[in-house]
């Protein structure tokens, strides 16, 4: 599904979405961790923010219930360069997409930008 990221300065970026669908607002921030995206998703300090992961591949380790940090999702959006929907970690019990759809609540929009976007690295 198509996703649109519209910044306050008027720039608009198109990408693809995964997880729950919808429309949200929030401050765009970044995280440089190479692992631990599941912890980022459930970290209360990101409440209301759209987190851009700088690591290139997100989703490859899936979701493990033991790594959930809190009671649910806190961020408003999750921006990644390359989403992988087929987890390869033996600890994984579900894909990132399935987890976001199951727990999205009012944090519905998750997407990644097209290669010509400044977020693409």
C-alpha atoms as a PDB file:
ATOM      1  CA  UNK A   1       0.000   0.000   0.000  1.00  0.00           C
ATOM      2  CA  UNK A   2       1.198   3.547  -0.744  1.00  0.00           C
ATOM      3  CA  UNK A   3       2.432   5.720   2.128  1.00  0.00           C
ATOM      4  CA  UNK A   4       3.036   9.475   2.131  1.00  0.00           C
ATOM      5  CA  UNK A   5       5.333  11.354   4.500  1.00  0.00           C
ATOM      6  CA  UNK A   6       4.568  15.103   4.483  1.00  0.00           C
ATOM      7  CA  UNK A   7       7.008  17.317   6.386  1.00  0.00           C
ATOM      8  CA  UNK A   8       6.225  20.699   7.942  1.00  0.00           C
ATOM      9  CA  UNK A   9       8.449  22.467   5.385  1.00  0.00           C
ATOM     10  CA  UNK A  10       6.213  21.259   2.552  1.00  0.00           C
ATOM     11  CA  UNK A  11       8.360  18.387   1.274  1.00  0.00           C
ATOM     12  CA  UNK A  12       6.433  15.209   0.484  1.00  0.00           C
ATOM     13  CA  UNK A  13       7.886  11.699   0.132  1.00  0.00           C
ATOM     14  CA  UNK A  14       6.137   8.620  -1.178  1.00  0.00           C
ATOM     15  CA  UNK A  15       6.871   5.088  -0.069  1.00  0.00           C
ATOM     16  CA  UNK A  16       5.187   1.808   0.745  1.00  0.00           C
ATOM     17  CA  UNK A  17       3.421   0.917   3.966  1.00  0.00           C
ATOM     18  CA  UNK A  18       3.341  -2.137   6.198  1.00  0.00           C
ATOM     19  CA  UNK A  19       1.545  -2.781   9.451  1.00  0.00           C
ATOM     20  CA  UNK A  20      -1.797  -1.132  10.177  1.00  0.00           C
ATOM     21  CA  UNK A  21      -3.118   1.546   7.821  1.00  0.00           C
ATOM     22  CA  UNK A  22      -4.246   5.065   8.604  1.00  0.00           C
ATOM     23  CA  UNK A  23      -3.061   8.620   9.117  1.00  0.00           C
ATOM     24  CA  UNK A  24      -0.939  10.017  11.958  1.00  0.00           C
ATOM     25  CA  UNK A  25       1.120  13.056  12.858  1.00  0.00           C
ATOM     26  CA  UNK A  26       4.342  13.250  14.819  1.00  0.00           C
ATOM     27  CA  UNK A  27       7.888  14.503  15.041  1.00  0.00           C
ATOM     28  CA  UNK A  28      10.295  12.647  12.732  1.00  0.00           C
ATOM     29  CA  UNK A  29      13.359  11.427  14.675  1.00  0.00           C
ATOM     30  CA  UNK A  30      16.012   8.804  13.989  1.00  0.00           C
ATOM     31  CA  UNK A  31      17.595   5.827  15.716  1.00  0.00           C
ATOM     32  CA  UNK A  32      21.023   4.490  14.751  1.00  0.00           C
ATOM     33  CA  UNK A  33      20.783   1.045  16.376  1.00  0.00           C
ATOM     34  CA  UNK A  34      21.694  -1.951  14.218  1.00  0.00           C
ATOM     35  CA  UNK A  35      19.501  -4.279  16.278  1.00  0.00           C
ATOM     36  CA  UNK A  36      16.599  -3.913  18.668  1.00  0.00           C
ATOM     37  CA  UNK A  37      13.854  -2.458  16.493  1.00  0.00           C
ATOM     38  CA  UNK A  38      11.321  -4.327  18.622  1.00  0.00           C
ATOM     39  CA  UNK A  39      12.582  -2.489  21.705  1.00  0.00           C
ATOM     40  CA  UNK A  40      12.316   0.833  19.819  1.00  0.00           C
ATOM     41  CA  UNK A  41       8.692   0.106  18.907  1.00  0.00           C
ATOM     42  CA  UNK A  42       7.720  -0.472  22.539  1.00  0.00           C
ATOM     43  CA  UNK A  43       9.895   2.260  24.130  1.00  0.00           C
ATOM     44  CA  UNK A  44       7.666   4.890  25.838  1.00  0.00           C
ATOM     45  CA  UNK A  45      10.271   7.622  25.195  1.00  0.00           C
ATOM     46  CA  UNK A  46       9.241   7.620  21.500  1.00  0.00           C
ATOM     47  CA  UNK A  47       5.598   8.472  22.252  1.00  0.00           C
ATOM     48  CA  UNK A  48       4.156  10.585  19.440  1.00  0.00           C
ATOM     49  CA  UNK A  49       7.274  10.363  17.263  1.00  0.00           C
ATOM     50  CA  UNK A  50       7.893   8.793  13.864  1.00  0.00           C
ATOM     51  CA  UNK A  51      11.149   6.900  14.238  1.00  0.00           C
ATOM     52  CA  UNK A  52      13.431   6.567  11.210  1.00  0.00           C
ATOM     53  CA  UNK A  53      15.764   3.598  11.530  1.00  0.00           C
ATOM     54  CA  UNK A  54      19.147   4.246   9.906  1.00  0.00           C
ATOM     55  CA  UNK A  55      20.031   0.548   9.652  1.00  0.00           C
ATOM     56  CA  UNK A  56      19.161  -0.714   6.179  1.00  0.00           C
ATOM     57  CA  UNK A  57      17.154  -3.899   6.818  1.00  0.00           C
ATOM     58  CA  UNK A  58      14.330  -4.055   9.332  1.00  0.00           C
ATOM     59  CA  UNK A  59      12.068  -7.046   9.974  1.00  0.00           C
ATOM     60  CA  UNK A  60      14.577  -9.815   9.332  1.00  0.00           C
ATOM     61  CA  UNK A  61      14.558 -11.013  12.952  1.00  0.00           C
ATOM     62  CA  UNK A  62      10.771 -10.889  13.353  1.00  0.00           C
ATOM     63  CA  UNK A  63       9.132 -10.472  16.757  1.00  0.00           C
ATOM     64  CA  UNK A  64       9.919 -12.395  19.924  1.00  0.00           C
ATOM     65  CA  UNK A  65       7.490 -11.933  22.879  1.00  0.00           C
ATOM     66  CA  UNK A  66      10.413 -12.059  25.325  1.00  0.00           C
ATOM     67  CA  UNK A  67      11.853  -8.839  23.854  1.00  0.00           C
ATOM     68  CA  UNK A  68       8.773  -6.667  24.318  1.00  0.00           C
ATOM     69  CA  UNK A  69       9.773  -3.743  26.549  1.00  0.00           C
ATOM     70  CA  UNK A  70       6.350  -2.455  27.647  1.00  0.00           C
ATOM     71  CA  UNK A  71       2.580  -2.807  27.313  1.00  0.00           C
ATOM     72  CA  UNK A  72       2.403  -1.800  23.638  1.00  0.00           C
ATOM     73  CA  UNK A  73       3.439   0.545  20.859  1.00  0.00           C
ATOM     74  CA  UNK A  74       4.187   4.178  21.687  1.00  0.00           C
ATOM     75  CA  UNK A  75       5.553   5.714  18.516  1.00  0.00           C
ATOM     76  CA  UNK A  76       3.371   7.278  15.820  1.00  0.00           C
ATOM     77  CA  UNK A  77       5.238   5.914  12.802  1.00  0.00           C
ATOM     78  CA  UNK A  78       8.139   3.706  11.832  1.00  0.00           C
ATOM     79  CA  UNK A  79      10.229   4.645   8.783  1.00  0.00           C
ATOM     80  CA  UNK A  80      12.690   2.149   7.364  1.00  0.00           C
ATOM     81  CA  UNK A  81      14.665   1.806   4.148  1.00  0.00           C
ATOM     82  CA  UNK A  82      14.123  -1.883   3.482  1.00  0.00           C
ATOM     83  CA  UNK A  83      11.395  -3.908   5.158  1.00  0.00           C
ATOM     84  CA  UNK A  84      11.830  -7.706   5.183  1.00  0.00           C
ATOM     85  CA  UNK A  85       8.646  -9.676   5.749  1.00  0.00           C
ATOM     86  CA  UNK A  86      10.234 -13.118   6.181  1.00  0.00           C
ATOM     87  CA  UNK A  87      11.957 -13.392   9.584  1.00  0.00           C
ATOM     88  CA  UNK A  88      14.956 -15.711   9.776  1.00  0.00           C
ATOM     89  CA  UNK A  89      15.546 -15.757  13.535  1.00  0.00           C
ATOM     90  CA  UNK A  90      14.789 -18.993  15.398  1.00  0.00           C
ATOM     91  CA  UNK A  91      13.334 -16.967  18.305  1.00  0.00           C
ATOM     92  CA  UNK A  92      10.778 -15.224  16.093  1.00  0.00           C
ATOM     93  CA  UNK A  93       7.118 -16.051  16.650  1.00  0.00           C
ATOM     94  CA  UNK A  94       5.642 -13.612  14.104  1.00  0.00           C
ATOM     95  CA  UNK A  95       6.614 -11.095  11.441  1.00  0.00           C
ATOM     96  CA  UNK A  96       6.975  -7.397  12.205  1.00  0.00           C
ATOM     97  CA  UNK A  97       4.042  -6.667   9.866  1.00  0.00           C
ATOM     98  CA  UNK A  98       1.772  -9.104  11.750  1.00  0.00           C
ATOM     99  CA  UNK A  99       2.828  -7.613  15.108  1.00  0.00           C
ATOM    100  CA  UNK A 100       2.095  -4.057  13.960  1.00  0.00           C
ATOM    101  CA  UNK A 101      -1.298  -5.049  12.584  1.00  0.00           C
ATOM    102  CA  UNK A 102      -2.156  -6.836  15.824  1.00  0.00           C
ATOM    103  CA  UNK A 103      -0.965  -4.023  18.109  1.00  0.00           C
ATOM    104  CA  UNK A 104      -1.325  -0.881  15.987  1.00  0.00           C
ATOM    105  CA  UNK A 105      -4.252   0.626  17.840  1.00  0.00           C
ATOM    106  CA  UNK A 106      -4.151   4.342  17.134  1.00  0.00           C
ATOM    107  CA  UNK A 107      -0.519   4.172  15.947  1.00  0.00           C
ATOM    108  CA  UNK A 108      -1.463   3.035  12.460  1.00  0.00           C
ATOM    109  CA  UNK A 109       1.019   4.264   9.888  1.00  0.00           C
ATOM    110  CA  UNK A 110       4.259   2.442   9.184  1.00  0.00           C
ATOM    111  CA  UNK A 111       6.150   2.789   5.958  1.00  0.00           C
ATOM    112  CA  UNK A 112       9.406   3.058   4.131  1.00  0.00           C
ATOM    113  CA  UNK A 113      10.523   5.630   1.579  1.00  0.00           C
ATOM    114  CA  UNK A 114      11.336   5.085  -2.077  1.00  0.00           C
ATOM    115  CA  UNK A 115      15.026   5.003  -3.123  1.00  0.00           C
ATOM    116  CA  UNK A 116      15.016   8.671  -4.268  1.00  0.00           C
ATOM    117  CA  UNK A 117      13.958   9.880  -0.815  1.00  0.00           C
ATOM    118  CA  UNK A 118      16.498  11.639   1.445  1.00  0.00           C
ATOM    119  CA  UNK A 119      15.629   9.013   4.079  1.00  0.00           C
ATOM    120  CA  UNK A 120      16.880   6.237   1.782  1.00  0.00           C
ATOM    121  CA  UNK A 121      20.516   6.856   2.669  1.00  0.00           C
END
